[in-house]
Amino acid sequence: MSVDTMASRKDRASRKLRFGVNPVLEELGCVKDNELCSSNEESEAENDEEEETDFEDSDSSDEEWEPESEPTPKKQRLLFISPTSTPRTPRTPTSCAGDSLSPLSTPKGRSHSPRVRKRSASGRSVESDTDTWNDVSVEDEDPVLPNFHPKRTPGPQLVMDRVYSPLQLFQLFFPTSVIDTIVTNTNSYAKMRSEAGKKFPWVPVKAHEMYSFIALVIYMGILGAKHILDYWSGKHIYSLPFPKSVMSRSRFQAITWNLHLCNLKDDRANALKKGTRDHDRLFKIKPLYTDIIEACKTHFHPNRQLSVDERMVASRARISFKQYMKDKPTKWGYKLFVLADSACAYTWNFFVYEGKSSLATGKGLSYDSVIRLLDLSLLGKGYQVFMDNFYTSPGLLLDLLDKKTLACGTIRSNQQGFPRTMTNDLSLRAQKGSMRWLRKGKLLFVRWMDSRVVSMCSTMHKAYDGSTITRRVRNPKGEWEIRQIPIPTATKDYNKYMGGVDLSDALIGYYNVLHKTQKWYKTFFFHFIDIAVVNSFILHQQLCKSQNKSHLTQKEYRETLVSELVSIATLSNASPAPKKSTSCDPEPSTSNPNKTNVDSTNEPCWPEYYGSDATSGRRVCVFCKLSGLKVKTPVYCSKCSVALCFVPSRNCFRKWHAEKHNEK
């Protein structure tokens, strides 16, 4: 080959290097003739014209472009210069050629290798980094953790040696003041509807009646009939006397229709602010909403481990802050951000997500949610917070660490601040139990292979402490067998403590009191009852545990609570008059106090049922018939053989014998 031909090819190659791949190949110092090709005929001709002029002016030789070293196979694969593959070299993982390529430098019709495309899709670049992923053979150092200093003693903030009834615990969250507010607002709303022309029977509701209403709501969560009317149905397959004994169906529906939580005047004033920054979208639930949150914080102090997660309250209402979450069992509804105790699942703090807020810090919803839930002025220092990859970010964990609060959670590999280095990274085909870790200052990043790669970030863990976990793994013969595989400390603690909110959701879901309603604020009213019942049940468990007593199951607890709520109405209806007659004690005559029985004979008058229950064999009450009314009753007098009403609001049995109608 002549010197002119060699110089021409050399100069042509050097000019093509200036377009796109020039920086990389200049560093390598090697360009092969058969590895460079022009993208089109126009650029080929242009380079030929320029090469003649340059060659005449230059006095270069072969020594000017002679390579200093051979190109590495990794760079050839990334640049698609050579189709052949060779074994990896030690400098291959730290190659940065993938980021230096411009879009024009890649020939058309050629694609990147699967590994490079996979990393690019996950958001992790292949740029060089001084950090290196370590395996389990490299020992990690134990981080220095702040001491645990809670503001109060963890556990119920009650007298621990005292016995509390389910009603007393429930009234910690629904005290008389809260019930009085609901009663006042409900009566005002019913009056407004009546004045607007709505025709419905209404008698102002009282506090004891509201407790009975809540008792029936909890009772319906235990039984779970498909329709509200089924609880008062006269069909034999239902036969539920309890709802009828507490409240009539029409009364229950009337309270449900007119239930209102906020003040009407303030509600109208807030509605006028709609469209402005001063408008409160959650004003209709604010009186009860704020009281429940305050009660949750007041009566319990959480243990060291906390979990943060979302909760969905099912609803299909047409309202702007309804959310859709495809990965949740309840996909449509209102989203709540919840902070719960990881040990007992007590809901300590929560807030309703109402959309984009004007109070946002600009660091993202996940960051703002965690900071808002962690009331560190009330909690104290040294707490450990566990969260999923929606919340976890290096910036959040470092900010919490500055406040003496530790955190751990799963993290997305494309999260800002996640290590970009590929040196000794975990392979996608690694065996189960393989792990890599990297420490950046006070942050620990761990990648562990389970069924898929799990990435963790923590400020409180050592990379590996020798822990193992049981998994099914294929052996070399292709057979499944049970093995103990290594597990990072952060992953082990995450699996142990992350389920606080999920356990709370499960406790609520067992006996959910949620009813279908057209008013969105009523949905929150029912959910607040759920939170109050479950939290009071957890307080009952903790008190019994401290007293070395066996606690009630949640079903037994709810049954007892319903009976005690109904007893409030019974005590309120009790009059200071002489003791009411029962089926065991005959009613004394009021006309003659010297007589012990209402009848002159030795046989007393007893109330009895016509049928086997209160729904069959009903007859017209003879005493009501004298007043011109036609009221049916299942009760009759065993001696007089007449049908008589025998209910708290209408005791015709007593009046009949007091007026001596049986002697006529």
Foldseek 3Di string as FASTA:
>chain_A
DDQVVVQLLVQLVQVVLVPFNVVVCVVQLDDDSVQDDDQDPVVVVVSNVVSVVVVVPDDDGPVVRHGPDHDAQLLCLLLVRDPDHDDDDQCNQQDQVNVSGDPVSHHPPDDHDPVQVVCVVLQFHSHGDPFAWAWPVDFWDAFDADDDDWPDDFWFPDDLPDDDALQRLLCLLVPLVQLVLQLVQLQVQVVVVVVVPDDADDDRDDSLLVLLLLLVLLVCLLVVDPDPCLCVDLDPVRPNCVVVQQDDPSVSVSSVVRGFRAHPVVVVVLVVCPPHLPRDPCRRQVVSVVSNLVSLQPGGAADQEKEKDKDFQADPAPDDQWAADPPDPRGTGWIKIFIAHLPLLQTNHIDTDRDDHPPDPPPDPLLVSVVVRCPCVNTDAQGEYEYEQVNDAPVSQVVCVVVRYWYKYWHRCNGPPRDSRPHVDDDQPDFAQIKIWTDDPQKIWMWGAHVGITIMITRRFTFFDPAWDWDWGADPVRDTDIDTHGDTPRVVVNVRRHCSNVVLVVQCVSRQSADDDNDSSVSVVSVSSSSSLSNSQSSQVSSCVVVVHDGDDSSVSSVSNSVVSSVSVVVVLDDPDPDDDDQVQADQAPVDNVDRALDPDPDHKGKDFPDPDFSPDWAFAPQVVVVVDGDTGRIDIPVLRGDHDPGSVGHRVNVCSNVPVSVD
